[in-house]
Amino acid sequence: MVRYIQITQVPPERMALWRSWLSPQRRKRAERMPDDRETVCGEGLARELLAAALHCPPEEAPLRYDAQGKPLTDGLYLSISHSRGLAACAVADRPVGLDVELVRPAPRRVWEHLSPEERIYAADDAAFFRLWTAKEALLKCRGGQFGQLREPAEFLTEEGFALPGYAFSPVQLPEGWTGTLCLAERRA
């Protein structure tokens, strides 16, 4: 289950409600940001999706974070992503990773870390961010460190993205954004 929201479309009363659901630690973290709305919206969506799946009030959804900031819950897996005015969340019954990005000029400092195959694939900014969101979604699904995004994508094929044990799918988002959902395959 995936949901997204454009932050400018969130009414102030809903933003205030979502902000009230933040734990004291998350509220502190959000307050340190120049604009906390993406964090608030990501967590608000996560709590609403968890509440629907677990049949509990959103403010009681068992959402917590590990030391690296990865969202955790009991019995389900979730992934939160946000990018320049869009927040998104995925909840699943197996490991899941989600990444969304606003398509814009690809950052040169990242381009330097791409393998030759990745550079060929990422011929334009939209293709670059499809690749980037797939790499980040896989990283979130598997668990790992941000620096691993610089490693060559072992899942890049002529048809797109494929890796045994994982399923990749594009996420339908408003025009101008791209996103990838990565799900670990069910074990028999």
N, C-alpha and C. Protein backbone atom coordinates (compact mmCIF):
# COMPACT_ATOMS: atom_id res chain seq x y z
N MET A 1 0.85 -1.16 0.00
CA MET A 1 0.00 0.00 0.00
C MET A 1 0.91 1.24 0.00
N VAL A 2 0.74 2.11 -0.99
CA VAL A 2 1.54 3.32 -1.11
C VAL A 2 0.61 4.53 -1.18
N ARG A 3 0.98 5.56 -0.45
CA ARG A 3 0.25 6.84 -0.53
C ARG A 3 1.25 7.97 -0.61
N TYR A 4 0.85 9.03 -1.28
CA TYR A 4 1.69 10.23 -1.33
C TYR A 4 0.79 11.45 -1.17
N ILE A 5 1.42 12.56 -0.85
CA ILE A 5 0.68 13.81 -0.73
C ILE A 5 1.62 14.97 -1.08
N GLN A 6 1.09 15.92 -1.83
CA GLN A 6 1.83 17.14 -2.09
C GLN A 6 1.64 18.04 -0.88
N ILE A 7 2.72 18.48 -0.32
CA ILE A 7 2.69 19.20 0.95
C ILE A 7 1.88 20.48 0.89
N THR A 8 1.91 21.15 -0.25
CA THR A 8 1.15 22.40 -0.37
C THR A 8 -0.36 22.17 -0.34
N GLN A 9 -0.79 20.92 -0.50
CA GLN A 9 -2.21 20.61 -0.49
C GLN A 9 -2.72 20.14 0.87
N VAL A 10 -1.84 20.13 1.87
CA VAL A 10 -2.24 19.68 3.20
C VAL A 10 -2.83 20.87 3.95
N PRO A 11 -4.11 20.79 4.34
CA PRO A 11 -4.71 21.90 5.10
C PRO A 11 -3.99 22.09 6.44
N PRO A 12 -3.93 23.34 6.94
CA PRO A 12 -3.22 23.61 8.20
C PRO A 12 -3.71 22.76 9.37
N GLU A 13 -5.02 22.49 9.44
CA GLU A 13 -5.52 21.69 10.56
C GLU A 13 -5.03 20.23 10.50
N ARG A 14 -4.90 19.69 9.28
CA ARG A 14 -4.36 18.33 9.15
C ARG A 14 -2.88 18.32 9.51
N MET A 15 -2.14 19.35 9.07
CA MET A 15 -0.72 19.44 9.40
C MET A 15 -0.55 19.52 10.92
N ALA A 16 -1.39 20.29 11.57
CA ALA A 16 -1.31 20.43 13.03
C ALA A 16 -1.62 19.09 13.71
N LEU A 17 -2.60 18.36 13.19
CA LEU A 17 -2.94 17.06 13.76
C LEU A 17 -1.75 16.11 13.60
N TRP A 18 -1.19 16.03 12.41
CA TRP A 18 -0.05 15.14 12.18
C TRP A 18 1.13 15.54 13.07
N ARG A 19 1.35 16.84 13.23
CA ARG A 19 2.44 17.32 14.08
C ARG A 19 2.21 16.86 15.53
N SER A 20 0.96 16.84 15.96
CA SER A 20 0.65 16.43 17.34
C SER A 20 0.94 14.95 17.56
N TRP A 21 1.01 14.15 16.50
CA TRP A 21 1.29 12.72 16.63
C TRP A 21 2.78 12.43 16.77
N LEU A 22 3.63 13.41 16.50
CA LEU A 22 5.08 13.18 16.59
C LEU A 22 5.49 12.92 18.03
N SER A 23 6.40 11.99 18.19
CA SER A 23 6.97 11.75 19.53
C SER A 23 7.81 12.96 19.89
N PRO A 24 8.13 13.15 21.17
CA PRO A 24 8.98 14.28 21.55
C PRO A 24 10.32 14.29 20.80
N GLN A 25 10.91 13.11 20.59
CA GLN A 25 12.19 13.04 19.86
C GLN A 25 12.01 13.45 18.40
N ARG A 26 10.96 12.96 17.76
CA ARG A 26 10.71 13.30 16.35
C ARG A 26 10.35 14.78 16.22
N ARG A 27 9.62 15.31 17.19
CA ARG A 27 9.26 16.74 17.15
C ARG A 27 10.53 17.58 17.23
N LYS A 28 11.45 17.19 18.11
CA LYS A 28 12.72 17.89 18.25
C LYS A 28 13.50 17.88 16.94
N ARG A 29 13.56 16.70 16.33
CA ARG A 29 14.27 16.54 15.06
C ARG A 29 13.63 17.42 13.99
N ALA A 30 12.32 17.40 13.90
CA ALA A 30 11.61 18.19 12.89
C ALA A 30 11.83 19.68 13.11
N GLU A 31 11.85 20.11 14.36
CA GLU A 31 12.03 21.53 14.66
C GLU A 31 13.41 22.05 14.26
N ARG A 32 14.39 21.16 14.13
CA ARG A 32 15.73 21.57 13.70
C ARG A 32 15.81 21.83 12.20
N MET A 33 14.80 21.41 11.47
CA MET A 33 14.82 21.55 10.01
C MET A 33 14.28 22.92 9.61
N PRO A 34 14.80 23.46 8.49
CA PRO A 34 14.29 24.75 8.02
C PRO A 34 12.79 24.70 7.70
N ASP A 35 12.33 23.55 7.18
CA ASP A 35 10.91 23.34 6.88
C ASP A 35 10.59 21.91 7.26
N ASP A 36 9.81 21.73 8.32
CA ASP A 36 9.55 20.39 8.84
C ASP A 36 8.36 19.70 8.19
N ARG A 37 7.72 20.35 7.22
CA ARG A 37 6.47 19.79 6.68
C ARG A 37 6.65 18.44 5.99
N GLU A 38 7.78 18.22 5.31
CA GLU A 38 7.97 16.92 4.66
C GLU A 38 8.05 15.81 5.70
N THR A 39 8.80 16.05 6.77
CA THR A 39 8.91 15.06 7.84
C THR A 39 7.55 14.81 8.49
N VAL A 40 6.84 15.88 8.80
CA VAL A 40 5.52 15.76 9.43
C VAL A 40 4.56 15.00 8.52
N CYS A 41 4.55 15.32 7.24
CA CYS A 41 3.65 14.65 6.30
C CYS A 41 4.03 13.19 6.11
N GLY A 42 5.31 12.90 6.01
CA GLY A 42 5.74 11.51 5.86
C GLY A 42 5.31 10.67 7.03
N GLU A 43 5.51 11.19 8.24
CA GLU A 43 5.11 10.44 9.42
C GLU A 43 3.59 10.38 9.56
N GLY A 44 2.91 11.45 9.20
CA GLY A 44 1.44 11.44 9.24
C GLY A 44 0.86 10.38 8.32
N LEU A 45 1.37 10.32 7.08
CA LEU A 45 0.93 9.28 6.15
C LEU A 45 1.23 7.89 6.70
N ALA A 46 2.43 7.73 7.26
CA ALA A 46 2.81 6.43 7.81
C ALA A 46 1.84 6.00 8.91
N ARG A 47 1.52 6.92 9.80
CA ARG A 47 0.60 6.57 10.89
C ARG A 47 -0.79 6.24 10.36
N GLU A 48 -1.25 6.97 9.35
CA GLU A 48 -2.58 6.68 8.79
C GLU A 48 -2.60 5.32 8.09
N LEU A 49 -1.54 4.98 7.35
CA LEU A 49 -1.49 3.68 6.69
C LEU A 49 -1.39 2.54 7.71
N LEU A 50 -0.55 2.74 8.73
CA LEU A 50 -0.45 1.72 9.78
C LEU A 50 -1.78 1.54 10.51
N ALA A 51 -2.44 2.65 10.79
CA ALA A 51 -3.72 2.58 11.49
C ALA A 51 -4.74 1.78 10.68
N ALA A 52 -4.77 2.01 9.37
CA ALA A 52 -5.70 1.27 8.51
C ALA A 52 -5.37 -0.22 8.50
N ALA A 53 -4.09 -0.53 8.44
CA ALA A 53 -3.67 -1.94 8.40
C ALA A 53 -3.85 -2.64 9.73
N LEU A 54 -3.64 -1.92 10.83
CA LEU A 54 -3.68 -2.53 12.16
C LEU A 54 -4.99 -2.28 12.91
N HIS A 55 -5.89 -1.53 12.29
CA HIS A 55 -7.19 -1.23 12.89
C HIS A 55 -7.06 -0.58 14.27
N CYS A 56 -6.28 0.51 14.29
CA CYS A 56 -6.10 1.27 15.52
C CYS A 56 -6.12 2.76 15.17
N PRO A 57 -6.27 3.63 16.15
CA PRO A 57 -6.20 5.07 15.87
C PRO A 57 -4.78 5.44 15.41
N PRO A 58 -4.66 6.37 14.46
CA PRO A 58 -3.33 6.74 13.94
C PRO A 58 -2.35 7.19 15.02
N GLU A 59 -2.84 7.92 16.00
CA GLU A 59 -1.93 8.40 17.05
C GLU A 59 -1.40 7.26 17.92
N GLU A 60 -2.05 6.09 17.84
CA GLU A 60 -1.59 4.93 18.61
C GLU A 60 -0.85 3.91 17.74
N ALA A 61 -0.68 4.21 16.45
CA ALA A 61 0.05 3.29 15.57
C ALA A 61 1.47 3.11 16.11
N PRO A 62 1.93 1.87 16.20
CA PRO A 62 3.23 1.59 16.83
C PRO A 62 4.42 1.94 15.92
N LEU A 63 4.63 3.21 15.71
CA LEU A 63 5.70 3.70 14.85
C LEU A 63 6.87 4.17 15.71
N ARG A 64 8.05 3.65 15.39
CA ARG A 64 9.26 4.07 16.09
C ARG A 64 10.39 4.08 15.07
N TYR A 65 11.57 4.51 15.49
CA TYR A 65 12.71 4.64 14.59
C TYR A 65 13.94 4.02 15.23
N ASP A 66 14.78 3.39 14.38
CA ASP A 66 16.04 2.86 14.90
C ASP A 66 17.08 3.98 14.97
N ALA A 67 18.28 3.66 15.38
CA ALA A 67 19.33 4.67 15.58
C ALA A 67 19.70 5.39 14.29
N GLN A 68 19.50 4.74 13.14
CA GLN A 68 19.80 5.38 11.86
C GLN A 68 18.61 6.15 11.30
N GLY A 69 17.49 6.14 12.00
CA GLY A 69 16.31 6.87 11.54
C GLY A 69 15.37 6.05 10.67
N LYS A 70 15.61 4.74 10.56
CA LYS A 70 14.73 3.88 9.76
C LYS A 70 13.45 3.64 10.55
N PRO A 71 12.29 3.87 9.91
CA PRO A 71 11.02 3.65 10.60
C PRO A 71 10.77 2.15 10.83
N LEU A 72 10.25 1.85 12.00
CA LEU A 72 9.96 0.46 12.40
C LEU A 72 8.56 0.38 12.96
N THR A 73 7.98 -0.80 12.88
CA THR A 73 6.69 -1.05 13.50
C THR A 73 6.58 -2.55 13.80
N ASP A 74 5.53 -2.93 14.43
CA ASP A 74 5.33 -4.32 14.82
C ASP A 74 4.54 -5.07 13.75
N GLY A 75 5.13 -6.12 13.18
CA GLY A 75 4.40 -6.99 12.28
C GLY A 75 4.29 -6.52 10.84
N LEU A 76 4.65 -5.30 10.56
CA LEU A 76 4.61 -4.78 9.19
C LEU A 76 5.93 -4.07 8.90
N TYR A 77 6.14 -3.77 7.64
CA TYR A 77 7.33 -3.04 7.21
C TYR A 77 6.86 -1.74 6.58
N LEU A 78 7.64 -0.69 6.74
CA LEU A 78 7.28 0.56 6.11
C LEU A 78 8.50 1.32 5.65
N SER A 79 8.25 2.21 4.72
CA SER A 79 9.30 3.06 4.18
C SER A 79 8.69 4.42 3.91
N ILE A 80 9.40 5.46 4.29
CA ILE A 80 8.95 6.84 4.11
C ILE A 80 9.96 7.56 3.23
N SER A 81 9.47 8.38 2.33
CA SER A 81 10.34 9.17 1.47
C SER A 81 9.71 10.53 1.25
N HIS A 82 10.55 11.53 1.05
CA HIS A 82 10.04 12.85 0.68
C HIS A 82 11.07 13.56 -0.18
N SER A 83 10.56 14.43 -1.04
CA SER A 83 11.43 15.16 -1.94
C SER A 83 10.75 16.45 -2.38
N ARG A 84 11.30 17.54 -1.95
CA ARG A 84 10.95 18.86 -2.47
C ARG A 84 9.45 19.09 -2.66
N GLY A 85 8.71 18.88 -1.57
CA GLY A 85 7.28 19.18 -1.60
C GLY A 85 6.37 17.99 -1.74
N LEU A 86 6.92 16.79 -1.76
CA LEU A 86 6.11 15.58 -1.86
C LEU A 86 6.56 14.62 -0.76
N ALA A 87 5.60 14.03 -0.07
CA ALA A 87 5.90 13.01 0.94
C ALA A 87 5.16 11.75 0.53
N ALA A 88 5.80 10.59 0.77
CA ALA A 88 5.20 9.32 0.39
C ALA A 88 5.55 8.26 1.43
N CYS A 89 4.70 7.25 1.51
CA CYS A 89 4.91 6.17 2.46
C CYS A 89 4.39 4.87 1.84
N ALA A 90 5.09 3.78 2.13
CA ALA A 90 4.67 2.44 1.73
C ALA A 90 4.64 1.55 2.96
N VAL A 91 3.62 0.73 3.07
CA VAL A 91 3.48 -0.25 4.15
C VAL A 91 3.25 -1.60 3.48
N ALA A 92 3.95 -2.62 3.98
CA ALA A 92 3.82 -3.96 3.40
C ALA A 92 4.00 -5.02 4.48
N ASP A 93 3.69 -6.25 4.10
CA ASP A 93 3.84 -7.38 5.02
C ASP A 93 5.21 -8.04 4.88
N ARG A 94 6.11 -7.41 4.14
CA ARG A 94 7.47 -7.90 3.94
C ARG A 94 8.38 -6.70 3.75
N PRO A 95 9.68 -6.87 3.80
CA PRO A 95 10.57 -5.71 3.67
C PRO A 95 10.25 -4.89 2.42
N VAL A 96 10.22 -3.57 2.61
CA VAL A 96 9.84 -2.65 1.55
C VAL A 96 10.76 -1.44 1.57
N GLY A 97 11.02 -0.91 0.39
CA GLY A 97 11.77 0.33 0.27
C GLY A 97 11.07 1.22 -0.73
N LEU A 98 11.01 2.49 -0.45
CA LEU A 98 10.35 3.46 -1.32
C LEU A 98 11.24 4.69 -1.41
N ASP A 99 11.39 5.19 -2.61
CA ASP A 99 12.07 6.47 -2.77
C ASP A 99 11.35 7.26 -3.84
N VAL A 100 11.20 8.56 -3.58
CA VAL A 100 10.62 9.50 -4.53
C VAL A 100 11.58 10.66 -4.70
N GLU A 101 11.61 11.21 -5.90
CA GLU A 101 12.47 12.36 -6.18
C GLU A 101 11.80 13.28 -7.18
N LEU A 102 11.99 14.55 -6.98
CA LEU A 102 11.61 15.53 -7.98
C LEU A 102 12.65 15.46 -9.09
N VAL A 103 12.22 15.31 -10.33
CA VAL A 103 13.17 15.26 -11.45
C VAL A 103 13.70 16.68 -11.66
N ARG A 104 15.01 16.79 -11.66
CA ARG A 104 15.71 18.06 -11.79
C ARG A 104 17.07 17.75 -12.38
N PRO A 105 17.90 18.73 -12.64
CA PRO A 105 19.24 18.40 -13.14
C PRO A 105 19.97 17.48 -12.15
N ALA A 106 20.54 16.42 -12.68
CA ALA A 106 21.24 15.44 -11.85
C ALA A 106 22.45 16.10 -11.19
N PRO A 107 22.62 15.89 -9.89
CA PRO A 107 23.77 16.48 -9.19
C PRO A 107 25.10 15.93 -9.74
N ARG A 108 25.97 16.78 -10.15
CA ARG A 108 27.27 16.38 -10.72
C ARG A 108 28.08 15.55 -9.73
N ARG A 109 28.04 15.89 -8.45
CA ARG A 109 28.85 15.16 -7.47
C ARG A 109 28.42 13.69 -7.37
N VAL A 110 27.17 13.41 -7.65
CA VAL A 110 26.69 12.03 -7.63
C VAL A 110 27.04 11.35 -8.96
N TRP A 111 26.91 12.07 -10.05
CA TRP A 111 27.18 11.54 -11.38
C TRP A 111 28.56 10.90 -11.43
N GLU A 112 29.52 11.50 -10.74
CA GLU A 112 30.90 11.00 -10.74
C GLU A 112 31.02 9.61 -10.14
N HIS A 113 30.06 9.21 -9.32
CA HIS A 113 30.12 7.91 -8.64
C HIS A 113 29.38 6.82 -9.40
N LEU A 114 28.79 7.15 -10.55
CA LEU A 114 28.07 6.14 -11.32
C LEU A 114 29.03 5.28 -12.11
N SER A 115 28.67 4.02 -12.27
CA SER A 115 29.46 3.11 -13.10
C SER A 115 29.24 3.49 -14.56
N PRO A 116 30.10 3.01 -15.47
CA PRO A 116 29.89 3.29 -16.90
C PRO A 116 28.51 2.84 -17.38
N GLU A 117 28.06 1.67 -16.93
CA GLU A 117 26.73 1.18 -17.32
C GLU A 117 25.62 2.10 -16.82
N GLU A 118 25.77 2.58 -15.59
CA GLU A 118 24.76 3.48 -15.03
C GLU A 118 24.73 4.80 -15.79
N ARG A 119 25.88 5.31 -16.19
CA ARG A 119 25.93 6.56 -16.95
C ARG A 119 25.22 6.41 -18.29
N ILE A 120 25.38 5.25 -18.92
CA ILE A 120 24.68 5.01 -20.19
C ILE A 120 23.18 5.00 -19.95
N TYR A 121 22.74 4.29 -18.89
CA TYR A 121 21.31 4.23 -18.58
C TYR A 121 20.76 5.61 -18.27
N ALA A 122 21.49 6.38 -17.50
CA ALA A 122 21.02 7.69 -17.01
C ALA A 122 21.33 8.78 -18.04
N ALA A 123 20.86 8.57 -19.25
CA ALA A 123 21.17 9.49 -20.34
C ALA A 123 20.53 10.86 -20.18
N ASP A 124 19.47 10.94 -19.41
CA ASP A 124 18.83 12.24 -19.15
C ASP A 124 18.45 12.30 -17.67
N ASP A 125 17.97 13.47 -17.23
CA ASP A 125 17.68 13.65 -15.80
C ASP A 125 16.59 12.71 -15.31
N ALA A 126 15.56 12.47 -16.11
CA ALA A 126 14.49 11.56 -15.69
C ALA A 126 15.03 10.14 -15.50
N ALA A 127 15.87 9.68 -16.43
CA ALA A 127 16.45 8.34 -16.30
C ALA A 127 17.39 8.28 -15.10
N PHE A 128 18.16 9.35 -14.87
CA PHE A 128 19.04 9.38 -13.70
C PHE A 128 18.23 9.17 -12.42
N PHE A 129 17.12 9.90 -12.28
CA PHE A 129 16.35 9.79 -11.03
C PHE A 129 15.56 8.49 -10.96
N ARG A 130 15.21 7.86 -12.09
CA ARG A 130 14.63 6.51 -12.03
C ARG A 130 15.67 5.55 -11.45
N LEU A 131 16.91 5.67 -11.93
CA LEU A 131 17.99 4.83 -11.42
C LEU A 131 18.23 5.12 -9.94
N TRP A 132 18.33 6.39 -9.59
CA TRP A 132 18.61 6.78 -8.21
C TRP A 132 17.52 6.27 -7.26
N THR A 133 16.25 6.43 -7.63
CA THR A 133 15.17 5.98 -6.75
C THR A 133 15.17 4.46 -6.62
N ALA A 134 15.54 3.76 -7.68
CA ALA A 134 15.62 2.29 -7.59
C ALA A 134 16.75 1.89 -6.64
N LYS A 135 17.90 2.56 -6.75
CA LYS A 135 19.03 2.25 -5.86
C LYS A 135 18.65 2.52 -4.41
N GLU A 136 18.03 3.67 -4.17
CA GLU A 136 17.68 4.01 -2.79
C GLU A 136 16.56 3.13 -2.25
N ALA A 137 15.58 2.78 -3.10
CA ALA A 137 14.51 1.89 -2.65
C ALA A 137 15.07 0.52 -2.26
N LEU A 138 16.01 -0.01 -3.06
CA LEU A 138 16.64 -1.29 -2.73
C LEU A 138 17.42 -1.18 -1.42
N LEU A 139 18.16 -0.11 -1.26
CA LEU A 139 18.93 0.11 -0.03
C LEU A 139 18.00 0.13 1.18
N LYS A 140 16.88 0.85 1.06
CA LYS A 140 15.93 0.92 2.18
C LYS A 140 15.30 -0.45 2.45
N CYS A 141 15.01 -1.20 1.39
CA CYS A 141 14.39 -2.51 1.54
C CYS A 141 15.35 -3.49 2.22
N ARG A 142 16.60 -3.49 1.80
CA ARG A 142 17.61 -4.40 2.35
C ARG A 142 18.13 -3.95 3.70
N GLY A 143 18.14 -2.65 3.89
CA GLY A 143 18.84 -2.07 5.03
C GLY A 143 20.28 -1.86 4.59
N GLY A 144 20.85 -0.79 4.97
CA GLY A 144 22.22 -0.52 4.57
C GLY A 144 22.59 0.92 4.85
N GLN A 145 23.75 1.30 4.36
CA GLN A 145 24.26 2.64 4.59
C GLN A 145 24.14 3.48 3.33
N PHE A 146 23.92 4.78 3.51
CA PHE A 146 23.74 5.70 2.41
C PHE A 146 24.90 5.65 1.42
N GLY A 147 26.12 5.47 1.90
CA GLY A 147 27.29 5.42 1.03
C GLY A 147 27.22 4.28 0.01
N GLN A 148 26.41 3.25 0.29
CA GLN A 148 26.28 2.15 -0.65
C GLN A 148 25.59 2.56 -1.94
N LEU A 149 24.93 3.71 -1.95
CA LEU A 149 24.31 4.18 -3.19
C LEU A 149 25.35 4.46 -4.25
N ARG A 150 26.58 4.66 -3.84
CA ARG A 150 27.66 4.92 -4.80
C ARG A 150 28.15 3.64 -5.46
N GLU A 151 27.78 2.48 -4.90
CA GLU A 151 28.19 1.22 -5.50
C GLU A 151 27.40 1.00 -6.78
N PRO A 152 28.00 0.34 -7.77
CA PRO A 152 27.27 0.08 -9.02
C PRO A 152 26.00 -0.72 -8.76
N ALA A 153 24.98 -0.40 -9.51
CA ALA A 153 23.69 -1.08 -9.36
C ALA A 153 23.77 -2.45 -10.02
N GLU A 154 23.81 -3.49 -9.21
CA GLU A 154 23.92 -4.84 -9.75
C GLU A 154 22.59 -5.31 -10.34
N PHE A 155 21.55 -4.51 -10.22
CA PHE A 155 20.22 -4.90 -10.67
C PHE A 155 19.81 -4.22 -11.96
N LEU A 156 20.70 -3.46 -12.57
CA LEU A 156 20.40 -2.74 -13.80
C LEU A 156 20.47 -3.71 -14.98
N THR A 157 19.36 -3.87 -15.70
CA THR A 157 19.30 -4.75 -16.86
C THR A 157 18.83 -3.95 -18.07
N GLU A 158 18.86 -4.56 -19.23
CA GLU A 158 18.38 -3.86 -20.43
C GLU A 158 16.91 -3.51 -20.31
N GLU A 159 16.15 -4.32 -19.56
CA GLU A 159 14.71 -4.08 -19.41
C GLU A 159 14.37 -3.13 -18.26
N GLY A 160 15.34 -2.80 -17.45
CA GLY A 160 15.08 -1.93 -16.29
C GLY A 160 15.82 -2.44 -15.08
N PHE A 161 15.06 -2.84 -14.05
CA PHE A 161 15.66 -3.27 -12.79
C PHE A 161 15.18 -4.68 -12.45
N ALA A 162 16.10 -5.55 -12.13
CA ALA A 162 15.76 -6.92 -11.74
C ALA A 162 16.87 -7.46 -10.84
N LEU A 163 16.47 -8.09 -9.77
CA LEU A 163 17.41 -8.70 -8.84
C LEU A 163 16.69 -9.85 -8.16
N PRO A 164 17.27 -11.05 -8.16
CA PRO A 164 16.62 -12.17 -7.49
C PRO A 164 16.29 -11.82 -6.03
N GLY A 165 15.06 -12.13 -5.66
CA GLY A 165 14.62 -11.87 -4.29
C GLY A 165 13.92 -10.54 -4.09
N TYR A 166 13.89 -9.69 -5.14
CA TYR A 166 13.27 -8.37 -5.03
C TYR A 166 12.44 -8.05 -6.26
N ALA A 167 11.39 -7.31 -6.05
CA ALA A 167 10.54 -6.84 -7.15
C ALA A 167 10.55 -5.31 -7.14
N PHE A 168 10.78 -4.72 -8.29
CA PHE A 168 10.80 -3.27 -8.44
C PHE A 168 9.58 -2.83 -9.25
N SER A 169 8.98 -1.72 -8.85
CA SER A 169 7.89 -1.16 -9.65
C SER A 169 7.91 0.35 -9.54
N PRO A 170 7.56 1.02 -10.64
CA PRO A 170 7.48 2.48 -10.59
C PRO A 170 6.27 2.88 -9.75
N VAL A 171 6.35 4.03 -9.14
CA VAL A 171 5.25 4.55 -8.33
C VAL A 171 4.58 5.67 -9.13
N GLN A 172 3.27 5.62 -9.22
CA GLN A 172 2.53 6.68 -9.92
C GLN A 172 2.51 7.92 -9.04
N LEU A 173 3.12 9.00 -9.55
CA LEU A 173 3.24 10.25 -8.81
C LEU A 173 2.81 11.41 -9.71
N PRO A 174 2.62 12.59 -9.13
CA PRO A 174 2.30 13.74 -9.97
C PRO A 174 3.41 14.02 -10.99
N GLU A 175 3.05 14.68 -12.04
CA GLU A 175 4.02 15.02 -13.07
C GLU A 175 5.20 15.77 -12.46
N GLY A 176 6.40 15.39 -12.89
CA GLY A 176 7.61 16.03 -12.41
C GLY A 176 8.34 15.23 -11.35
N TRP A 177 7.67 14.24 -10.75
CA TRP A 177 8.32 13.38 -9.76
C TRP A 177 8.44 11.97 -10.32
N THR A 178 9.39 11.23 -9.81
CA THR A 178 9.51 9.82 -10.14
C THR A 178 9.76 9.06 -8.84
N GLY A 179 9.40 7.81 -8.85
CA GLY A 179 9.59 7.01 -7.64
C GLY A 179 9.65 5.53 -7.96
N THR A 180 10.28 4.80 -7.05
CA THR A 180 10.38 3.35 -7.19
C THR A 180 10.03 2.69 -5.87
N LEU A 181 9.28 1.61 -5.97
CA LEU A 181 8.95 0.75 -4.84
C LEU A 181 9.74 -0.54 -5.01
N CYS A 182 10.40 -0.99 -3.96
CA CYS A 182 11.13 -2.26 -3.97
C CYS A 182 10.56 -3.13 -2.86
N LEU A 183 10.12 -4.32 -3.22
CA LEU A 183 9.58 -5.28 -2.25
C LEU A 183 10.42 -6.54 -2.26
N ALA A 184 10.75 -7.03 -1.08
CA ALA A 184 11.40 -8.34 -0.98
C ALA A 184 10.34 -9.38 -1.35
N GLU A 185 10.75 -10.37 -2.10
CA GLU A 185 9.80 -11.41 -2.49
C GLU A 185 9.45 -12.25 -1.27
N ARG A 186 8.23 -12.78 -1.29
CA ARG A 186 7.79 -13.64 -0.19
C ARG A 186 8.61 -14.92 -0.18
N ARG A 187 8.93 -15.36 0.98
CA ARG A 187 9.66 -16.63 1.11
C ARG A 187 8.66 -17.75 1.26
N ALA A 188 8.95 -18.85 0.57
CA ALA A 188 8.04 -20.00 0.60
C ALA A 188 8.08 -20.72 1.92
